[in-house]
Amino acid sequence: MYEFRLGVQDLAETSFGMSPLFELVFSLRPRVFPAWHPEHLPWVRETAAAYSRLDTELLDALHAPHGWLPDFLSPRPPGIVTDLADDLARLRDTPPETVRHDILIAYRHVPVPPVLSGDPAAVLDRICTAFQAYWDACIEPYWTRIHAVLEADLVHRARRLALGGAAELFGELDGRVSWNHPGTVRLVIPSGLAPERAVDVAGRGLTLVPCLFLRGALTMIDEHGPPLIVYPARGRGAIWERTVPDGPRALVGLVGARRARLLVMLAAPASTTDLARRLGVTPGAVSHHLAALHAGGLLNRTRDGRSVLYMRSPLGDQLVR
């Protein structure tokens, strides 16, 4: 268990981040441990052929058998990063001694695979090359959809913090995370995977980063910068859905069949155009239903470039349940 002790200044400086490299690195988990991530298996199957043509010897070896990753693979994002090139540039700057050290720590209970045991600088170069190819083949075609989920999550979390304070934010962040008075955030890691540790944040603030491919929250602690909590993004379970679900009968009776269907679909964020395509209707036919649901407080919306993304609000979640 980690216990983060926050002062008033730390709460004031709590911020959010986003990282394409985090998504890339943690998206390897459903391929190596598919039973742990059933919600992502449609995407794993859809990209299996493209993945098989990549440097799979290296990519599959990055996760140790117990699920640990070398820490250097997920450098701390300096805020909201949306360009993989920026992330890869930071990764390429990793000192060789750090590469070697982190690989040995991740594999301390089992032998290091030969593909990771060579010259650290050469290993790092091969990793960065493999990551770029993996991104181009398996993630970039889906990045707009992934980014929409992350963006909607950030909007939702910022709203919870603004309206309900720290207790509301941390209370629903993840099942592993809890808010405890006075000013303490606890993160419970499964037994045996991390030691108990108390961290006095001491004016450094706290950074929160959503990730589509995580099952539970984890932390990265820097002795000089703010501690970082990476948590599962809201709406991740519905991102790969292809079918158009019907709404529950009681919900249909309350808001009508079309609006009930939209509410069920919007467990993950989507644009008017995307919803219209999935429903086989025109954007105009969807737009007025979205406007009505938003006016009733059942949807949140945010702008992502030229698109407006809709996602169920907490009230919408309660109504669907």
C-alpha atoms as a PDB file:
ATOM      1  CA  MET A   1       0.000   0.000   0.000  1.00  0.00           C
ATOM      2  CA  TYR A   2       1.133   3.516  -0.804  1.00  0.00           C
ATOM      3  CA  GLU A   3      -0.053   6.401   1.350  1.00  0.00           C
ATOM      4  CA  PHE A   4       0.325   9.882  -0.138  1.00  0.00           C
ATOM      5  CA  ARG A   5       0.148  12.649   2.444  1.00  0.00           C
ATOM      6  CA  LEU A   6      -1.046  15.832   0.798  1.00  0.00           C
ATOM      7  CA  GLY A   7      -0.941  19.376   2.060  1.00  0.00           C
ATOM      8  CA  VAL A   8      -3.136  22.246   0.932  1.00  0.00           C
ATOM      9  CA  GLN A   9      -0.581  23.254  -1.694  1.00  0.00           C
ATOM     10  CA  ASP A  10      -0.435  19.696  -3.048  1.00  0.00           C
ATOM     11  CA  LEU A  11      -4.187  19.647  -3.546  1.00  0.00           C
ATOM     12  CA  ALA A  12      -4.036  23.029  -5.250  1.00  0.00           C
ATOM     13  CA  GLU A  13      -1.366  21.712  -7.623  1.00  0.00           C
ATOM     14  CA  THR A  14      -3.035  18.388  -8.456  1.00  0.00           C
ATOM     15  CA  SER A  15      -2.955  18.163 -12.248  1.00  0.00           C
ATOM     16  CA  PHE A  16      -3.758  15.758 -15.074  1.00  0.00           C
ATOM     17  CA  GLY A  17      -1.597  14.238 -17.782  1.00  0.00           C
ATOM     18  CA  MET A  18      -1.910  12.062 -20.862  1.00  0.00           C
ATOM     19  CA  SER A  19       0.673  10.010 -22.739  1.00  0.00           C
ATOM     20  CA  PRO A  20       0.513   8.112 -26.054  1.00  0.00           C
ATOM     21  CA  LEU A  21       3.541   6.120 -24.893  1.00  0.00           C
ATOM     22  CA  PHE A  22       1.669   4.953 -21.783  1.00  0.00           C
ATOM     23  CA  GLU A  23      -1.113   3.648 -24.020  1.00  0.00           C
ATOM     24  CA  LEU A  24       1.395   1.955 -26.320  1.00  0.00           C
ATOM     25  CA  VAL A  25       3.317   0.262 -23.506  1.00  0.00           C
ATOM     26  CA  PHE A  26       0.304  -0.905 -21.513  1.00  0.00           C
ATOM     27  CA  SER A  27      -1.538  -2.022 -24.662  1.00  0.00           C
ATOM     28  CA  LEU A  28       0.997  -4.853 -24.859  1.00  0.00           C
ATOM     29  CA  ARG A  29      -0.528  -6.390 -21.716  1.00  0.00           C
ATOM     30  CA  PRO A  30      -3.704  -7.734 -23.388  1.00  0.00           C
ATOM     31  CA  ARG A  31      -1.473  -9.530 -25.910  1.00  0.00           C
ATOM     32  CA  VAL A  32       0.798 -11.104 -23.306  1.00  0.00           C
ATOM     33  CA  PHE A  33      -1.910 -11.674 -20.657  1.00  0.00           C
ATOM     34  CA  PRO A  34      -5.196 -11.885 -22.599  1.00  0.00           C
ATOM     35  CA  ALA A  35      -7.131 -13.465 -19.709  1.00  0.00           C
ATOM     36  CA  TRP A  36      -6.507 -10.329 -17.628  1.00  0.00           C
ATOM     37  CA  HIS A  37      -8.005  -7.975 -20.240  1.00  0.00           C
ATOM     38  CA  PRO A  38     -11.084  -9.550 -21.868  1.00  0.00           C
ATOM     39  CA  GLU A  39     -12.534  -6.142 -22.781  1.00  0.00           C
ATOM     40  CA  HIS A  40      -9.635  -5.554 -25.209  1.00  0.00           C
ATOM     41  CA  LEU A  41      -9.705  -8.933 -26.960  1.00  0.00           C
ATOM     42  CA  PRO A  42     -11.759  -7.652 -29.944  1.00  0.00           C
ATOM     43  CA  TRP A  43      -8.975  -5.150 -30.680  1.00  0.00           C
ATOM     44  CA  VAL A  44      -6.251  -7.777 -30.068  1.00  0.00           C
ATOM     45  CA  ARG A  45      -7.891 -10.116 -32.595  1.00  0.00           C
ATOM     46  CA  GLU A  46      -8.480  -7.327 -35.095  1.00  0.00           C
ATOM     47  CA  THR A  47      -4.813  -6.295 -35.049  1.00  0.00           C
ATOM     48  CA  ALA A  48      -3.289  -9.788 -34.689  1.00  0.00           C
ATOM     49  CA  ALA A  49      -2.165 -10.076 -38.315  1.00  0.00           C
ATOM     50  CA  ALA A  50      -0.488  -6.655 -38.270  1.00  0.00           C
ATOM     51  CA  TYR A  51       1.162  -7.420 -34.925  1.00  0.00           C
ATOM     52  CA  SER A  52       2.591 -10.726 -36.203  1.00  0.00           C
ATOM     53  CA  ARG A  53       4.664  -8.837 -38.792  1.00  0.00           C
ATOM     54  CA  LEU A  54       6.417  -6.727 -36.141  1.00  0.00           C
ATOM     55  CA  ASP A  55       9.379  -7.349 -33.816  1.00  0.00           C
ATOM     56  CA  THR A  56       7.257  -9.586 -31.587  1.00  0.00           C
ATOM     57  CA  GLU A  57      10.280 -11.290 -30.015  1.00  0.00           C
ATOM     58  CA  LEU A  58      11.162  -7.977 -28.402  1.00  0.00           C
ATOM     59  CA  LEU A  59       7.653  -6.643 -27.771  1.00  0.00           C
ATOM     60  CA  ASP A  60       6.482  -9.830 -26.068  1.00  0.00           C
ATOM     61  CA  ALA A  61       9.583  -9.898 -23.849  1.00  0.00           C
ATOM     62  CA  LEU A  62       9.039  -6.445 -22.332  1.00  0.00           C
ATOM     63  CA  HIS A  63       6.603  -7.828 -19.757  1.00  0.00           C
ATOM     64  CA  ALA A  64       8.162 -10.166 -17.233  1.00  0.00           C
ATOM     65  CA  PRO A  65       6.095 -13.332 -16.484  1.00  0.00           C
ATOM     66  CA  HIS A  66       4.591 -11.781 -13.334  1.00  0.00           C
ATOM     67  CA  GLY A  67       3.491  -8.677 -15.276  1.00  0.00           C
ATOM     68  CA  TRP A  68       6.217  -6.208 -14.315  1.00  0.00           C
ATOM     69  CA  LEU A  69       7.606  -3.747 -16.845  1.00  0.00           C
ATOM     70  CA  PRO A  70      10.991  -1.981 -16.772  1.00  0.00           C
ATOM     71  CA  ASP A  71      10.260   1.478 -15.356  1.00  0.00           C
ATOM     72  CA  PHE A  72      12.138   3.392 -18.053  1.00  0.00           C
ATOM     73  CA  LEU A  73       9.488   2.368 -20.641  1.00  0.00           C
ATOM     74  CA  SER A  74       6.968   4.798 -19.146  1.00  0.00           C
ATOM     75  CA  PRO A  75       8.696   8.151 -18.633  1.00  0.00           C
ATOM     76  CA  ARG A  76       6.631  10.739 -16.785  1.00  0.00           C
ATOM     77  CA  PRO A  77       4.523  12.840 -19.210  1.00  0.00           C
ATOM     78  CA  PRO A  78       5.051  16.587 -18.761  1.00  0.00           C
ATOM     79  CA  GLY A  79       1.330  17.343 -18.907  1.00  0.00           C
ATOM     80  CA  ILE A  80      -1.043  16.535 -21.767  1.00  0.00           C
ATOM     81  CA  VAL A  81       1.068  14.861 -24.461  1.00  0.00           C
ATOM     82  CA  THR A  82      -0.698  13.901 -27.706  1.00  0.00           C
ATOM     83  CA  ASP A  83       2.268  13.294 -30.027  1.00  0.00           C
ATOM     84  CA  LEU A  84       4.114   9.979 -29.800  1.00  0.00           C
ATOM     85  CA  ALA A  85       7.242  11.591 -31.250  1.00  0.00           C
ATOM     86  CA  ASP A  86       7.637  13.701 -28.102  1.00  0.00           C
ATOM     87  CA  ASP A  87       7.265  10.642 -25.901  1.00  0.00           C
ATOM     88  CA  LEU A  88       9.750   8.604 -27.935  1.00  0.00           C
ATOM     89  CA  ALA A  89      12.273  11.448 -27.814  1.00  0.00           C
ATOM     90  CA  ARG A  90      12.168  11.330 -24.000  1.00  0.00           C
ATOM     91  CA  LEU A  91      12.464   7.540 -24.083  1.00  0.00           C
ATOM     92  CA  ARG A  92      15.531   7.701 -26.346  1.00  0.00           C
ATOM     93  CA  ASP A  93      17.226   9.988 -23.797  1.00  0.00           C
ATOM     94  CA  THR A  94      17.190   7.238 -21.152  1.00  0.00           C
ATOM     95  CA  PRO A  95      20.749   6.627 -19.888  1.00  0.00           C
ATOM     96  CA  PRO A  96      22.036   3.111 -20.741  1.00  0.00           C
ATOM     97  CA  GLU A  97      22.713   2.373 -17.068  1.00  0.00           C
ATOM     98  CA  THR A  98      19.028   3.074 -16.298  1.00  0.00           C
ATOM     99  CA  VAL A  99      17.928   0.760 -19.106  1.00  0.00           C
ATOM    100  CA  ARG A 100      20.050  -2.064 -17.728  1.00  0.00           C
ATOM    101  CA  HIS A 101      19.063  -1.442 -14.104  1.00  0.00           C
ATOM    102  CA  ASP A 102      15.304  -1.353 -14.804  1.00  0.00           C
ATOM    103  CA  ILE A 103      15.410  -4.526 -16.918  1.00  0.00           C
ATOM    104  CA  LEU A 104      17.229  -6.374 -14.138  1.00  0.00           C
ATOM    105  CA  ILE A 105      14.707  -5.155 -11.544  1.00  0.00           C
ATOM    106  CA  ALA A 106      11.716  -6.218 -13.673  1.00  0.00           C
ATOM    107  CA  TYR A 107      13.249  -9.667 -14.249  1.00  0.00           C
ATOM    108  CA  ARG A 108      14.824 -10.133 -10.832  1.00  0.00           C
ATOM    109  CA  HIS A 109      12.945 -13.404 -10.180  1.00  0.00           C
ATOM    110  CA  VAL A 110      13.541 -15.001 -13.594  1.00  0.00           C
ATOM    111  CA  PRO A 111      16.316 -14.948 -16.237  1.00  0.00           C
ATOM    112  CA  VAL A 112      16.425 -11.902 -18.512  1.00  0.00           C
ATOM    113  CA  PRO A 113      15.438 -12.890 -22.084  1.00  0.00           C
ATOM    114  CA  PRO A 114      18.377 -12.812 -24.534  1.00  0.00           C
ATOM    115  CA  VAL A 115      16.645 -10.112 -26.590  1.00  0.00           C
ATOM    116  CA  LEU A 116      16.906  -7.738 -23.604  1.00  0.00           C
ATOM    117  CA  SER A 117      20.302  -8.747 -22.254  1.00  0.00           C
ATOM    118  CA  GLY A 118      22.625  -7.164 -24.809  1.00  0.00           C
ATOM    119  CA  ASP A 119      24.204  -3.727 -24.929  1.00  0.00           C
ATOM    120  CA  PRO A 120      21.694  -1.362 -23.235  1.00  0.00           C
ATOM    121  CA  ALA A 121      22.065   1.376 -25.851  1.00  0.00           C
ATOM    122  CA  ALA A 122      21.384  -1.113 -28.650  1.00  0.00           C
ATOM    123  CA  VAL A 123      18.438  -2.585 -26.744  1.00  0.00           C
ATOM    124  CA  LEU A 124      16.949   0.883 -26.255  1.00  0.00           C
ATOM    125  CA  ASP A 125      17.347   1.713 -29.951  1.00  0.00           C
ATOM    126  CA  ARG A 126      15.632  -1.548 -30.924  1.00  0.00           C
ATOM    127  CA  ILE A 127      12.787  -0.850 -28.478  1.00  0.00           C
ATOM    128  CA  CYS A 128      12.171   2.640 -29.880  1.00  0.00           C
ATOM    129  CA  THR A 129      12.197   1.327 -33.457  1.00  0.00           C
ATOM    130  CA  ALA A 130       9.788  -1.482 -32.523  1.00  0.00           C
ATOM    131  CA  PHE A 131       7.508   0.949 -30.687  1.00  0.00           C
ATOM    132  CA  GLN A 132       7.208   3.232 -33.707  1.00  0.00           C
ATOM    133  CA  ALA A 133       6.322   0.296 -35.967  1.00  0.00           C
ATOM    134  CA  TYR A 134       3.832  -1.042 -33.411  1.00  0.00           C
ATOM    135  CA  TRP A 135       2.193   2.368 -33.107  1.00  0.00           C
ATOM    136  CA  ASP A 136       1.846   2.740 -36.876  1.00  0.00           C
ATOM    137  CA  ALA A 137       0.374  -0.741 -37.343  1.00  0.00           C
ATOM    138  CA  CYS A 138      -1.805  -1.311 -34.285  1.00  0.00           C
ATOM    139  CA  ILE A 139      -2.517   1.900 -32.376  1.00  0.00           C
ATOM    140  CA  GLU A 140      -2.466   4.910 -34.698  1.00  0.00           C
ATOM    141  CA  PRO A 141      -5.497   3.648 -36.714  1.00  0.00           C
ATOM    142  CA  TYR A 142      -7.455   3.652 -33.429  1.00  0.00           C
ATOM    143  CA  TRP A 143      -5.845   6.677 -31.797  1.00  0.00           C
ATOM    144  CA  THR A 144      -8.745   9.057 -32.453  1.00  0.00           C
ATOM    145  CA  ARG A 145     -11.055   6.696 -30.580  1.00  0.00           C
ATOM    146  CA  ILE A 146      -8.546   6.079 -27.762  1.00  0.00           C
ATOM    147  CA  HIS A 147      -7.784   9.768 -27.417  1.00  0.00           C
ATOM    148  CA  ALA A 148     -11.513  10.529 -27.208  1.00  0.00           C
ATOM    149  CA  VAL A 149     -11.874   8.193 -24.219  1.00  0.00           C
ATOM    150  CA  LEU A 150      -8.882   9.779 -22.456  1.00  0.00           C
ATOM    151  CA  GLU A 151     -10.062  13.317 -23.207  1.00  0.00           C
ATOM    152  CA  ALA A 152     -13.566  12.588 -21.935  1.00  0.00           C
ATOM    153  CA  ASP A 153     -12.113  11.050 -18.776  1.00  0.00           C
ATOM    154  CA  LEU A 154     -10.021  14.148 -18.080  1.00  0.00           C
ATOM    155  CA  VAL A 155     -13.063  16.392 -18.508  1.00  0.00           C
ATOM    156  CA  HIS A 156     -15.071  14.205 -16.139  1.00  0.00           C
ATOM    157  CA  ARG A 157     -12.335  14.093 -13.471  1.00  0.00           C
ATOM    158  CA  ALA A 158     -11.753  17.838 -13.623  1.00  0.00           C
ATOM    159  CA  ARG A 159     -15.476  18.389 -13.205  1.00  0.00           C
ATOM    160  CA  ARG A 160     -15.615  16.068 -10.174  1.00  0.00           C
ATOM    161  CA  LEU A 161     -12.687  17.912  -8.587  1.00  0.00           C
ATOM    162  CA  ALA A 162     -14.268  21.312  -9.241  1.00  0.00           C
ATOM    163  CA  LEU A 163     -17.730  20.362  -7.964  1.00  0.00           C
ATOM    164  CA  GLY A 164     -16.964  17.949  -5.150  1.00  0.00           C
ATOM    165  CA  GLY A 165     -13.353  18.510  -4.184  1.00  0.00           C
ATOM    166  CA  ALA A 166     -10.702  15.904  -3.506  1.00  0.00           C
ATOM    167  CA  ALA A 167     -13.071  13.456  -1.798  1.00  0.00           C
ATOM    168  CA  GLU A 168     -15.253  13.239  -4.922  1.00  0.00           C
ATOM    169  CA  LEU A 169     -12.277  12.967  -7.266  1.00  0.00           C
ATOM    170  CA  PHE A 170     -10.351  10.241  -5.457  1.00  0.00           C
ATOM    171  CA  GLY A 171     -13.464   8.459  -4.228  1.00  0.00           C
ATOM    172  CA  GLU A 172     -14.360   7.301  -7.749  1.00  0.00           C
ATOM    173  CA  LEU A 173     -10.929   7.236  -9.402  1.00  0.00           C
ATOM    174  CA  ASP A 174     -10.407   3.474  -9.038  1.00  0.00           C
ATOM    175  CA  GLY A 175     -11.189   0.703  -6.591  1.00  0.00           C
ATOM    176  CA  ARG A 176      -7.563   0.651  -5.457  1.00  0.00           C
ATOM    177  CA  VAL A 177      -7.603   4.375  -4.576  1.00  0.00           C
ATOM    178  CA  SER A 178      -9.294   5.978  -1.575  1.00  0.00           C
ATOM    179  CA  TRP A 179      -9.412   9.403   0.027  1.00  0.00           C
ATOM    180  CA  ASN A 180      -8.794   9.448   3.760  1.00  0.00           C
ATOM    181  CA  HIS A 181      -8.882  12.400   6.104  1.00  0.00           C
ATOM    182  CA  PRO A 182      -6.877  14.370   6.829  1.00  0.00           C
ATOM    183  CA  GLY A 183      -5.463  14.830   3.312  1.00  0.00           C
ATOM    184  CA  THR A 184      -4.304  11.285   2.601  1.00  0.00           C
ATOM    185  CA  VAL A 185      -4.663   9.313  -0.636  1.00  0.00           C
ATOM    186  CA  ARG A 186      -4.174   5.552  -0.351  1.00  0.00           C
ATOM    187  CA  LEU A 187      -3.326   3.279  -3.240  1.00  0.00           C
ATOM    188  CA  VAL A 188      -3.571  -0.445  -2.520  1.00  0.00           C
ATOM    189  CA  ILE A 189      -1.429  -2.612  -4.818  1.00  0.00           C
ATOM    190  CA  PRO A 190      -2.109  -6.386  -4.893  1.00  0.00           C
ATOM    191  CA  SER A 191      -0.220  -8.211  -2.145  1.00  0.00           C
ATOM    192  CA  GLY A 192       3.408  -8.940  -2.885  1.00  0.00           C
ATOM    193  CA  LEU A 193       3.760  -6.537  -5.812  1.00  0.00           C
ATOM    194  CA  ALA A 194       4.826  -3.473  -3.831  1.00  0.00           C
ATOM    195  CA  PRO A 195       6.035  -2.651  -0.307  1.00  0.00           C
ATOM    196  CA  GLU A 196       4.059  -0.460   2.065  1.00  0.00           C
ATOM    197  CA  ARG A 197       5.281   3.077   1.763  1.00  0.00           C
ATOM    198  CA  ALA A 198       4.255   6.475   3.115  1.00  0.00           C
ATOM    199  CA  VAL A 199       5.052   9.423   0.856  1.00  0.00           C
ATOM    200  CA  ASP A 200       5.053  13.008   2.106  1.00  0.00           C
ATOM    201  CA  VAL A 201       4.262  14.892  -1.087  1.00  0.00           C
ATOM    202  CA  ALA A 202       5.592  18.054   0.553  1.00  0.00           C
ATOM    203  CA  GLY A 203       4.454  20.727  -1.888  1.00  0.00           C
ATOM    204  CA  ARG A 204       5.274  18.805  -5.070  1.00  0.00           C
ATOM    205  CA  GLY A 205       1.637  18.260  -6.049  1.00  0.00           C
ATOM    206  CA  LEU A 206       0.153  15.121  -7.575  1.00  0.00           C
ATOM    207  CA  THR A 207      -0.285  14.126 -11.241  1.00  0.00           C
ATOM    208  CA  LEU A 208      -3.152  11.885 -12.407  1.00  0.00           C
ATOM    209  CA  VAL A 209      -2.986  10.093 -15.767  1.00  0.00           C
ATOM    210  CA  PRO A 210      -5.802   7.983 -17.280  1.00  0.00           C
ATOM    211  CA  CYS A 211      -4.892   4.885 -19.282  1.00  0.00           C
ATOM    212  CA  LEU A 212      -7.154   2.770 -21.467  1.00  0.00           C
ATOM    213  CA  PHE A 213      -5.252  -0.495 -20.971  1.00  0.00           C
ATOM    214  CA  LEU A 214      -4.926  -0.677 -17.179  1.00  0.00           C
ATOM    215  CA  ARG A 215      -6.934  -3.013 -14.924  1.00  0.00           C
ATOM    216  CA  GLY A 216      -6.111  -1.095 -11.755  1.00  0.00           C
ATOM    217  CA  ALA A 217      -4.299   2.033 -10.642  1.00  0.00           C
ATOM    218  CA  LEU A 218      -0.539   2.105 -10.135  1.00  0.00           C
ATOM    219  CA  THR A 219       1.974   4.727  -9.128  1.00  0.00           C
ATOM    220  CA  MET A 220       5.338   6.122 -10.162  1.00  0.00           C
ATOM    221  CA  ILE A 221       7.258   8.080  -7.559  1.00  0.00           C
ATOM    222  CA  ASP A 222       9.932  10.654  -8.301  1.00  0.00           C
ATOM    223  CA  GLU A 223      11.898  11.950  -5.335  1.00  0.00           C
ATOM    224  CA  HIS A 224      11.978  15.427  -6.886  1.00  0.00           C
ATOM    225  CA  GLY A 225       8.826  15.747  -9.014  1.00  0.00           C
ATOM    226  CA  PRO A 226       5.187  15.125  -8.106  1.00  0.00           C
ATOM    227  CA  PRO A 227       4.110  11.519  -7.525  1.00  0.00           C
ATOM    228  CA  LEU A 228       2.104  10.121 -10.408  1.00  0.00           C
ATOM    229  CA  ILE A 229      -0.986   7.901 -10.229  1.00  0.00           C
ATOM    230  CA  VAL A 230      -2.001   6.144 -13.451  1.00  0.00           C
ATOM    231  CA  TYR A 231      -5.570   4.846 -13.331  1.00  0.00           C
ATOM    232  CA  PRO A 232      -7.996   2.994 -15.657  1.00  0.00           C
ATOM    233  CA  ALA A 233      -9.820   5.423 -17.945  1.00  0.00           C
ATOM    234  CA  ARG A 234     -13.565   5.722 -17.580  1.00  0.00           C
ATOM    235  CA  GLY A 235     -15.500   4.189 -20.494  1.00  0.00           C
ATOM    236  CA  ARG A 236     -12.736   1.829 -21.566  1.00  0.00           C
ATOM    237  CA  GLY A 237     -14.986  -1.243 -21.389  1.00  0.00           C
ATOM    238  CA  ALA A 238     -17.173  -0.132 -24.287  1.00  0.00           C
ATOM    239  CA  ILE A 239     -14.550   1.257 -26.665  1.00  0.00           C
ATOM    240  CA  TRP A 240     -14.367  -1.755 -29.011  1.00  0.00           C
ATOM    241  CA  GLU A 241     -18.112  -2.452 -29.200  1.00  0.00           C
ATOM    242  CA  ARG A 242     -19.345  -2.987 -32.736  1.00  0.00           C
ATOM    243  CA  THR A 243     -22.995  -3.852 -32.179  1.00  0.00           C
ATOM    244  CA  VAL A 244     -25.657  -1.257 -31.410  1.00  0.00           C
ATOM    245  CA  PRO A 245     -27.306  -2.200 -28.093  1.00  0.00           C
ATOM    246  CA  ASP A 246     -30.959  -1.712 -27.246  1.00  0.00           C
ATOM    247  CA  GLY A 247     -31.801   0.225 -24.123  1.00  0.00           C
ATOM    248  CA  PRO A 248     -33.333  -1.508 -21.098  1.00  0.00           C
ATOM    249  CA  ARG A 249     -37.124  -1.680 -21.314  1.00  0.00           C
ATOM    250  CA  ALA A 250     -37.691   0.681 -18.379  1.00  0.00           C
ATOM    251  CA  LEU A 251     -35.285   3.200 -19.892  1.00  0.00           C
ATOM    252  CA  VAL A 252     -37.025   2.987 -23.283  1.00  0.00           C
ATOM    253  CA  GLY A 253     -40.330   3.734 -21.595  1.00  0.00           C
ATOM    254  CA  LEU A 254     -38.811   6.795 -19.932  1.00  0.00           C
ATOM    255  CA  VAL A 255     -36.855   8.477 -22.731  1.00  0.00           C
ATOM    256  CA  GLY A 256     -37.806   6.574 -25.897  1.00  0.00           C
ATOM    257  CA  ALA A 257     -36.021   3.859 -27.870  1.00  0.00           C
ATOM    258  CA  ARG A 258     -33.570   6.080 -29.799  1.00  0.00           C
ATOM    259  CA  ARG A 259     -32.441   8.070 -26.781  1.00  0.00           C
ATOM    260  CA  ALA A 260     -32.192   4.941 -24.631  1.00  0.00           C
ATOM    261  CA  ARG A 261     -29.955   3.364 -27.271  1.00  0.00           C
ATOM    262  CA  LEU A 262     -27.758   6.456 -27.387  1.00  0.00           C
ATOM    263  CA  LEU A 263     -27.399   6.476 -23.605  1.00  0.00           C
ATOM    264  CA  VAL A 264     -26.289   2.852 -23.582  1.00  0.00           C
ATOM    265  CA  MET A 265     -23.826   3.472 -26.436  1.00  0.00           C
ATOM    266  CA  LEU A 266     -22.301   6.496 -24.725  1.00  0.00           C
ATOM    267  CA  ALA A 267     -20.593   4.573 -21.941  1.00  0.00           C
ATOM    268  CA  ALA A 268     -17.559   5.489 -24.092  1.00  0.00           C
ATOM    269  CA  PRO A 269     -17.234   8.912 -25.740  1.00  0.00           C
ATOM    270  CA  ALA A 270     -18.260   9.342 -29.361  1.00  0.00           C
ATOM    271  CA  SER A 271     -18.992  12.103 -31.846  1.00  0.00           C
ATOM    272  CA  THR A 272     -22.285  12.767 -33.610  1.00  0.00           C
ATOM    273  CA  THR A 273     -20.804  11.465 -36.867  1.00  0.00           C
ATOM    274  CA  ASP A 274     -19.562   8.248 -35.268  1.00  0.00           C
ATOM    275  CA  LEU A 275     -22.913   7.606 -33.587  1.00  0.00           C
ATOM    276  CA  ALA A 276     -24.780   8.256 -36.845  1.00  0.00           C
ATOM    277  CA  ARG A 277     -22.532   5.823 -38.697  1.00  0.00           C
ATOM    278  CA  ARG A 278     -23.060   3.093 -36.123  1.00  0.00           C
ATOM    279  CA  LEU A 279     -26.830   3.629 -36.129  1.00  0.00           C
ATOM    280  CA  GLY A 280     -27.069   3.883 -39.921  1.00  0.00           C
ATOM    281  CA  VAL A 281     -28.776   7.302 -39.871  1.00  0.00           C
ATOM    282  CA  THR A 282     -27.797  10.877 -40.696  1.00  0.00           C
ATOM    283  CA  PRO A 283     -25.938  13.073 -38.178  1.00  0.00           C
ATOM    284  CA  GLY A 284     -28.939  15.387 -38.101  1.00  0.00           C
ATOM    285  CA  ALA A 285     -31.148  12.526 -36.944  1.00  0.00           C
ATOM    286  CA  VAL A 286     -28.853  11.997 -33.942  1.00  0.00           C
ATOM    287  CA  SER A 287     -28.002  15.590 -33.119  1.00  0.00           C
ATOM    288  CA  HIS A 288     -31.331  16.700 -31.647  1.00  0.00           C
ATOM    289  CA  HIS A 289     -31.501  13.610 -29.408  1.00  0.00           C
ATOM    290  CA  LEU A 290     -27.998  14.356 -28.104  1.00  0.00           C
ATOM    291  CA  ALA A 291     -28.953  17.970 -27.463  1.00  0.00           C
ATOM    292  CA  ALA A 292     -32.006  16.883 -25.464  1.00  0.00           C
ATOM    293  CA  LEU A 293     -30.056  14.353 -23.397  1.00  0.00           C
ATOM    294  CA  HIS A 294     -27.351  16.923 -22.719  1.00  0.00           C
ATOM    295  CA  ALA A 295     -29.920  19.547 -21.698  1.00  0.00           C
ATOM    296  CA  GLY A 296     -31.375  17.015 -19.257  1.00  0.00           C
ATOM    297  CA  GLY A 297     -27.988  16.488 -17.619  1.00  0.00           C
ATOM    298  CA  LEU A 298     -27.615  12.900 -18.867  1.00  0.00           C
ATOM    299  CA  LEU A 299     -24.624  13.586 -21.136  1.00  0.00           C
ATOM    300  CA  ASN A 300     -21.400  15.553 -20.846  1.00  0.00           C
ATOM    301  CA  ARG A 301     -19.739  16.954 -23.934  1.00  0.00           C
ATOM    302  CA  THR A 302     -16.342  18.349 -24.797  1.00  0.00           C
ATOM    303  CA  ARG A 303     -14.607  19.525 -27.946  1.00  0.00           C
ATOM    304  CA  ASP A 304     -11.812  17.422 -29.457  1.00  0.00           C
ATOM    305  CA  GLY A 305     -10.383  19.331 -32.418  1.00  0.00           C
ATOM    306  CA  ARG A 306     -13.272  19.866 -34.831  1.00  0.00           C
ATOM    307  CA  SER A 307     -15.495  17.250 -33.208  1.00  0.00           C
ATOM    308  CA  VAL A 308     -17.758  17.457 -30.172  1.00  0.00           C
ATOM    309  CA  LEU A 309     -17.568  14.306 -28.061  1.00  0.00           C
ATOM    310  CA  TYR A 310     -20.483  13.098 -25.955  1.00  0.00           C
ATOM    311  CA  MET A 311     -20.363  10.698 -22.995  1.00  0.00           C
ATOM    312  CA  ARG A 312     -22.762   9.788 -20.230  1.00  0.00           C
ATOM    313  CA  SER A 313     -22.665  11.985 -17.147  1.00  0.00           C
ATOM    314  CA  PRO A 314     -22.793  10.457 -13.643  1.00  0.00           C
ATOM    315  CA  LEU A 315     -26.549  11.094 -13.703  1.00  0.00           C
ATOM    316  CA  GLY A 316     -26.748   9.275 -17.049  1.00  0.00           C
ATOM    317  CA  ASP A 317     -24.777   6.362 -15.578  1.00  0.00           C
ATOM    318  CA  GLN A 318     -27.225   6.117 -12.683  1.00  0.00           C
ATOM    319  CA  LEU A 319     -30.225   6.219 -14.987  1.00  0.00           C
ATOM    320  CA  VAL A 320     -28.879   3.430 -17.223  1.00  0.00           C
ATOM    321  CA  ARG A 321     -28.093   1.290 -14.174  1.00  0.00           C
END
